[in-house]
Amino acid sequence: MNLLELPITARAEIPTSYLDEMGHMNVMWYTHLFSRAVWGLFDLIGFTHEYMQTNQAGSFALELHVRYLAEVKAGQHVTLRTRALARTPKRIHYQHFMTIDEHDDVLSATGEIVSAHVDMNVRRQSPFPPALADAFDRLLTEHTALTWPAPVCGTMHA
C-alpha cells in the first residue's frame, strides 16, 4: 500500500489537549481530523464553502467506519491522505489514511466515509452537479487504477 500515491487532504500537530486518560489521542479527535480531511477532499473537487453558499448546498455524513491501528501521542505530526472509492448521483464513498510522520509514516488510523450532497433548502440529498461529479470521477479513475486494494470495511457503499 503506497499512500504517497494519494493526495494530502490535511496535516496536524497533536496538542496535549487531544490526549485522554491513557495518554494517547482521544477517539473524538480522530473524527475531528478526518472531518478536516473531508474539507481537503471537498476543496480538491470544488465542493467549497463558496460553492455551498452560492448554491445553498451542503453535505451530510451518512456513515463513518474508523480503524485505530497505532497510538498517536502529543507532539506528533500526522498527515491525512484520501482515496476516492465510489460515487452515485447523490453520494460519495472515500477513505482517509492517517499516518504518523515521525515514525516513517506509520499508518495510525483509517476513516471510511459515505457523504451525501444536500439541498440545504429542503435538507435532503440531491444530485451532485456535473462539475463536482466530474471532478470526483477524475479522482476516482486515478484511485481505481492503483495497484493496491483499499482496506475497506466491506459494509459501506455510496
C-alpha atoms as a PDB file:
ATOM      1  CA  MET A   1       0.000   0.000   0.000  1.00  0.00           C
ATOM      2  CA  ASN A   2       1.732   3.157  -1.218  1.00  0.00           C
ATOM      3  CA  LEU A   3      -0.085   6.026   0.483  1.00  0.00           C
ATOM      4  CA  LEU A   4       2.198   8.543  -1.243  1.00  0.00           C
ATOM      5  CA  GLU A   5       0.048   7.986  -4.347  1.00  0.00           C
ATOM      6  CA  LEU A   6      -2.872   9.712  -2.592  1.00  0.00           C
ATOM      7  CA  PRO A   7      -3.459  13.456  -2.206  1.00  0.00           C
ATOM      8  CA  ILE A   8      -2.739  15.066   1.159  1.00  0.00           C
ATOM      9  CA  THR A   9      -6.025  16.416   2.495  1.00  0.00           C
ATOM     10  CA  ALA A  10      -4.963  17.548   5.998  1.00  0.00           C
ATOM     11  CA  ARG A  11      -1.982  17.815   8.341  1.00  0.00           C
ATOM     12  CA  ALA A  12      -1.821  18.468  12.071  1.00  0.00           C
ATOM     13  CA  GLU A  13       0.423  18.537  15.103  1.00  0.00           C
ATOM     14  CA  ILE A  14      -1.233  16.819  18.056  1.00  0.00           C
ATOM     15  CA  PRO A  15      -1.551  19.098  21.113  1.00  0.00           C
ATOM     16  CA  THR A  16      -1.669  17.744  24.674  1.00  0.00           C
ATOM     17  CA  SER A  17      -5.326  18.819  24.864  1.00  0.00           C
ATOM     18  CA  TYR A  18      -6.156  15.951  22.438  1.00  0.00           C
ATOM     19  CA  LEU A  19      -4.968  13.287  24.893  1.00  0.00           C
ATOM     20  CA  ASP A  20      -7.201  11.102  27.024  1.00  0.00           C
ATOM     21  CA  GLU A  21      -6.582   9.351  30.341  1.00  0.00           C
ATOM     22  CA  MET A  22      -4.494   6.686  28.574  1.00  0.00           C
ATOM     23  CA  GLY A  23      -2.003   9.271  27.317  1.00  0.00           C
ATOM     24  CA  HIS A  24      -2.852   8.952  23.640  1.00  0.00           C
ATOM     25  CA  MET A  25      -5.181  10.848  21.312  1.00  0.00           C
ATOM     26  CA  ASN A  26      -8.831  10.531  22.322  1.00  0.00           C
ATOM     27  CA  VAL A  27     -11.162   8.983  19.758  1.00  0.00           C
ATOM     28  CA  MET A  28     -13.125  12.210  19.282  1.00  0.00           C
ATOM     29  CA  TRP A  29     -10.038  13.875  17.792  1.00  0.00           C
ATOM     30  CA  TYR A  30      -9.728  11.212  15.096  1.00  0.00           C
ATOM     31  CA  THR A  31     -13.206  12.212  13.957  1.00  0.00           C
ATOM     32  CA  HIS A  32     -12.159  15.876  14.080  1.00  0.00           C
ATOM     33  CA  LEU A  33      -9.076  15.236  11.965  1.00  0.00           C
ATOM     34  CA  PHE A  34     -10.997  13.067   9.500  1.00  0.00           C
ATOM     35  CA  SER A  35     -13.501  15.925   9.215  1.00  0.00           C
ATOM     36  CA  ARG A  36     -10.659  18.297   8.329  1.00  0.00           C
ATOM     37  CA  ALA A  37      -9.572  15.829   5.651  1.00  0.00           C
ATOM     38  CA  VAL A  38     -13.138  15.800   4.269  1.00  0.00           C
ATOM     39  CA  TRP A  39     -12.776  19.539   3.641  1.00  0.00           C
ATOM     40  CA  GLY A  40      -9.428  18.901   1.968  1.00  0.00           C
ATOM     41  CA  LEU A  41     -11.096  16.384  -0.355  1.00  0.00           C
ATOM     42  CA  PHE A  42     -14.020  18.715  -0.980  1.00  0.00           C
ATOM     43  CA  ASP A  43     -11.636  21.527  -1.912  1.00  0.00           C
ATOM     44  CA  LEU A  44      -9.950  19.197  -4.436  1.00  0.00           C
ATOM     45  CA  ILE A  45     -13.231  18.647  -6.267  1.00  0.00           C
ATOM     46  CA  GLY A  46     -14.603  22.192  -5.984  1.00  0.00           C
ATOM     47  CA  PHE A  47     -17.114  21.404  -3.225  1.00  0.00           C
ATOM     48  CA  THR A  48     -16.006  24.528  -1.362  1.00  0.00           C
ATOM     49  CA  HIS A  49     -17.659  26.784   1.202  1.00  0.00           C
ATOM     50  CA  GLU A  50     -18.186  29.306  -1.593  1.00  0.00           C
ATOM     51  CA  TYR A  51     -19.946  26.682  -3.739  1.00  0.00           C
ATOM     52  CA  MET A  52     -22.142  25.720  -0.785  1.00  0.00           C
ATOM     53  CA  GLN A  53     -23.150  29.314  -0.018  1.00  0.00           C
ATOM     54  CA  THR A  54     -23.750  30.224  -3.653  1.00  0.00           C
ATOM     55  CA  ASN A  55     -25.807  27.090  -4.366  1.00  0.00           C
ATOM     56  CA  GLN A  56     -27.491  26.624  -0.967  1.00  0.00           C
ATOM     57  CA  ALA A  57     -25.936  23.176  -0.898  1.00  0.00           C
ATOM     58  CA  GLY A  58     -24.070  21.182   1.706  1.00  0.00           C
ATOM     59  CA  SER A  59     -23.005  17.725   2.704  1.00  0.00           C
ATOM     60  CA  PHE A  60     -24.130  15.309   5.385  1.00  0.00           C
ATOM     61  CA  ALA A  61     -22.028  12.398   6.602  1.00  0.00           C
ATOM     62  CA  LEU A  62     -24.096   9.209   6.359  1.00  0.00           C
ATOM     63  CA  GLU A  63     -21.637   6.592   7.628  1.00  0.00           C
ATOM     64  CA  LEU A  64     -18.202   6.513   9.242  1.00  0.00           C
ATOM     65  CA  HIS A  65     -16.061   3.492   9.986  1.00  0.00           C
ATOM     66  CA  VAL A  66     -12.817   4.091  11.896  1.00  0.00           C
ATOM     67  CA  ARG A  67      -9.974   1.647  12.440  1.00  0.00           C
ATOM     68  CA  TYR A  68      -7.411   2.534  15.129  1.00  0.00           C
ATOM     69  CA  LEU A  69      -4.086   0.935  14.242  1.00  0.00           C
ATOM     70  CA  ALA A  70      -1.320   2.757  16.157  1.00  0.00           C
ATOM     71  CA  GLU A  71      -1.325   5.191  19.073  1.00  0.00           C
ATOM     72  CA  VAL A  72      -1.000   8.889  18.344  1.00  0.00           C
ATOM     73  CA  LYS A  73       0.576  10.991  21.100  1.00  0.00           C
ATOM     74  CA  ALA A  74       1.082  14.665  21.883  1.00  0.00           C
ATOM     75  CA  GLY A  75       3.693  16.452  19.802  1.00  0.00           C
ATOM     76  CA  GLN A  76       3.457  14.033  16.910  1.00  0.00           C
ATOM     77  CA  HIS A  77       2.676  15.253  13.416  1.00  0.00           C
ATOM     78  CA  VAL A  78       0.080  13.431  11.350  1.00  0.00           C
ATOM     79  CA  THR A  79      -0.726  13.542   7.662  1.00  0.00           C
ATOM     80  CA  LEU A  80      -4.078  12.580   6.214  1.00  0.00           C
ATOM     81  CA  ARG A  81      -4.444  11.339   2.651  1.00  0.00           C
ATOM     82  CA  THR A  82      -7.677  10.439   0.922  1.00  0.00           C
ATOM     83  CA  ARG A  83      -8.702   7.796  -1.602  1.00  0.00           C
ATOM     84  CA  ALA A  84     -11.886   8.050  -3.686  1.00  0.00           C
ATOM     85  CA  LEU A  85     -13.805   4.750  -3.682  1.00  0.00           C
ATOM     86  CA  ALA A  86     -17.187   5.216  -5.380  1.00  0.00           C
ATOM     87  CA  ARG A  87     -19.909   7.670  -6.374  1.00  0.00           C
ATOM     88  CA  THR A  88     -23.634   7.586  -7.028  1.00  0.00           C
ATOM     89  CA  PRO A  89     -25.592  10.598  -8.268  1.00  0.00           C
ATOM     90  CA  LYS A  90     -26.105  11.828  -4.673  1.00  0.00           C
ATOM     91  CA  ARG A  91     -23.346  10.176  -2.582  1.00  0.00           C
ATOM     92  CA  ILE A  92     -19.589   9.704  -2.477  1.00  0.00           C
ATOM     93  CA  HIS A  93     -17.587   6.991  -0.720  1.00  0.00           C
ATOM     94  CA  TYR A  94     -13.969   7.625   0.266  1.00  0.00           C
ATOM     95  CA  GLN A  95     -11.316   6.618   2.767  1.00  0.00           C
ATOM     96  CA  HIS A  96      -8.858   8.675   4.787  1.00  0.00           C
ATOM     97  CA  PHE A  97      -5.478   7.357   5.902  1.00  0.00           C
ATOM     98  CA  MET A  98      -3.808   8.980   8.930  1.00  0.00           C
ATOM     99  CA  THR A  99      -0.066   8.463   9.258  1.00  0.00           C
ATOM    100  CA  ILE A 100       2.400   9.486  11.949  1.00  0.00           C
ATOM    101  CA  ASP A 101       5.127  11.442  10.183  1.00  0.00           C
ATOM    102  CA  GLU A 102       7.920  10.920  12.730  1.00  0.00           C
ATOM    103  CA  HIS A 103       7.659   7.136  12.569  1.00  0.00           C
ATOM    104  CA  ASP A 104       8.306   6.554   8.875  1.00  0.00           C
ATOM    105  CA  ASP A 105       4.682   7.237   8.022  1.00  0.00           C
ATOM    106  CA  VAL A 106       3.220   4.561  10.298  1.00  0.00           C
ATOM    107  CA  LEU A 107      -0.465   4.110   9.487  1.00  0.00           C
ATOM    108  CA  SER A 108      -2.267   5.080  12.679  1.00  0.00           C
ATOM    109  CA  ALA A 109      -5.900   5.025  11.552  1.00  0.00           C
ATOM    110  CA  THR A 110      -8.274   4.814   8.647  1.00  0.00           C
ATOM    111  CA  GLY A 111     -11.621   6.539   8.323  1.00  0.00           C
ATOM    112  CA  GLU A 112     -14.034   5.283   5.682  1.00  0.00           C
ATOM    113  CA  ILE A 113     -16.907   7.657   4.967  1.00  0.00           C
ATOM    114  CA  VAL A 114     -20.049   7.945   2.868  1.00  0.00           C
ATOM    115  CA  SER A 115     -21.245  11.535   2.384  1.00  0.00           C
ATOM    116  CA  ALA A 116     -24.229  12.977   0.566  1.00  0.00           C
ATOM    117  CA  HIS A 117     -24.682  16.137  -1.474  1.00  0.00           C
ATOM    118  CA  VAL A 118     -27.572  18.021   0.145  1.00  0.00           C
ATOM    119  CA  ASP A 119     -30.009  20.710  -0.999  1.00  0.00           C
ATOM    120  CA  MET A 120     -29.994  22.872   2.128  1.00  0.00           C
ATOM    121  CA  ASN A 121     -33.352  24.443   1.239  1.00  0.00           C
ATOM    122  CA  VAL A 122     -35.090  21.146   1.947  1.00  0.00           C
ATOM    123  CA  ARG A 123     -32.241  19.402   3.836  1.00  0.00           C
ATOM    124  CA  ARG A 124     -32.450  16.333   1.611  1.00  0.00           C
ATOM    125  CA  GLN A 125     -29.979  14.518  -0.602  1.00  0.00           C
ATOM    126  CA  SER A 126     -29.679  15.953  -4.092  1.00  0.00           C
ATOM    127  CA  PRO A 127     -27.568  15.071  -7.145  1.00  0.00           C
ATOM    128  CA  PHE A 128     -24.030  16.374  -7.433  1.00  0.00           C
ATOM    129  CA  PRO A 129     -23.840  18.975 -10.199  1.00  0.00           C
ATOM    130  CA  PRO A 130     -21.819  17.853 -13.249  1.00  0.00           C
ATOM    131  CA  ALA A 131     -18.690  19.890 -12.360  1.00  0.00           C
ATOM    132  CA  LEU A 132     -18.376  18.285  -8.905  1.00  0.00           C
ATOM    133  CA  ALA A 133     -19.313  14.816 -10.156  1.00  0.00           C
ATOM    134  CA  ASP A 134     -16.745  15.048 -12.960  1.00  0.00           C
ATOM    135  CA  ALA A 135     -14.011  16.248 -10.573  1.00  0.00           C
ATOM    136  CA  PHE A 136     -14.689  13.390  -8.149  1.00  0.00           C
ATOM    137  CA  ASP A 137     -14.842  10.921 -11.050  1.00  0.00           C
ATOM    138  CA  ARG A 138     -11.405  12.043 -12.273  1.00  0.00           C
ATOM    139  CA  LEU A 139     -10.003  11.334  -8.796  1.00  0.00           C
ATOM    140  CA  LEU A 140     -11.903   8.049  -8.686  1.00  0.00           C
ATOM    141  CA  THR A 141     -10.398   6.993 -12.025  1.00  0.00           C
ATOM    142  CA  GLU A 142      -6.881   7.714 -10.719  1.00  0.00           C
ATOM    143  CA  HIS A 143      -7.505   5.833  -7.480  1.00  0.00           C
ATOM    144  CA  THR A 144      -9.190   2.855  -9.160  1.00  0.00           C
ATOM    145  CA  ALA A 145      -6.004   2.398 -11.194  1.00  0.00           C
ATOM    146  CA  LEU A 146      -3.858   1.984  -8.051  1.00  0.00           C
ATOM    147  CA  THR A 147      -2.236  -1.439  -7.720  1.00  0.00           C
ATOM    148  CA  TRP A 148      -3.319  -1.971  -4.105  1.00  0.00           C
ATOM    149  CA  PRO A 149      -6.821  -2.633  -2.831  1.00  0.00           C
ATOM    150  CA  ALA A 150      -8.366  -0.148  -0.424  1.00  0.00           C
ATOM    151  CA  PRO A 151      -8.683  -1.742   3.045  1.00  0.00           C
ATOM    152  CA  VAL A 152     -12.411  -1.045   3.310  1.00  0.00           C
ATOM    153  CA  CYS A 153     -14.700  -2.475   5.969  1.00  0.00           C
ATOM    154  CA  GLY A 154     -16.886  -4.122   3.321  1.00  0.00           C
ATOM    155  CA  THR A 155     -20.261  -2.961   4.590  1.00  0.00           C
ATOM    156  CA  MET A 156     -20.367   0.625   3.317  1.00  0.00           C
ATOM    157  CA  HIS A 157     -21.484   1.676  -0.161  1.00  0.00           C
ATOM    158  CA  ALA A 158     -22.127   5.018  -1.862  1.00  0.00           C
END
